[in-house]
Amino acid sequence: MLLETGPAVGLETATWEFIRASGLLAFVLLSVSVFFGLAVNVRALDPLTKRVYVYEGHQTISLLALALMILHVVLLLVHKFVDFTLTEVLVPFASDWRPLPVALGIACLYLTILLIGSSYARSSIGQKTWRALHYASFAAWVLAVFHGITAGSDSAAPLVQYLYLATIGPVVLLICFRTIAPSGHPDPRRTAATPRDALSVPACAEAAAPSGPSAR
């Protein structure tokens, strides 16, 4: 429920700034991760660098994006401008404040956790199941896009709109290219060793992806 007073000065104001920044940065990193995952699949960056490096960057950035999503949620619980409860940030449609946009962010976070968890359990669930699950990464990224646009307090700001265009545009272009000309390239881990095989996340080599809430 909204409080009658605005964000308090000092710590409350700083917390509010971190909420906005963590959400926006999480969305940017998620979009970059999806772009890198798609780029591995369609060899978009092969003229510039080795595919294994792009894949490694995708893994690392995905984990950073998830960490920022979790920080975003924790800060929402701490801040008192919108007095969220634990239930409201964990259960879709439990919040009275912009219920649909908040629910989209929650669903995106859960999908991201599921995708990352499935990568850790890849040897147990099998390659086919793992690959099928990772097609949900497209849904996770779309949820993040709509969460950021509809729930973000800065969505109307020109700089933020340019940021959305700069991050969404390249991903959409690669998704279109991948759909029109799908590739059957092997997983880069089969051609080059990588020390973090278990950390495959939202946008993998076979099925590019995203993960998590963007800015409020």
Foldseek 3Di string as FASTA:
>chain_A
DADPDAQDPDPSVVLLVLLQVLQALLLLLQLLLLLLLLCLFVVVCVVPDDNVVSQVSSLVSQVVSLVSQVVSLVSQCVHRRPNDDPCQQQPQQPDPPVRVLSNLQNVQSVLQVVLQVCLLCDVPVDDVVNLVSLLCQAVSSVSQLSSCCPVAPCNPPPVSVVVSCVRVVSSVVSVVVCVVPPGDDDFVCVVDPDPPSSSRGNRGNRHRGGGGHHHD
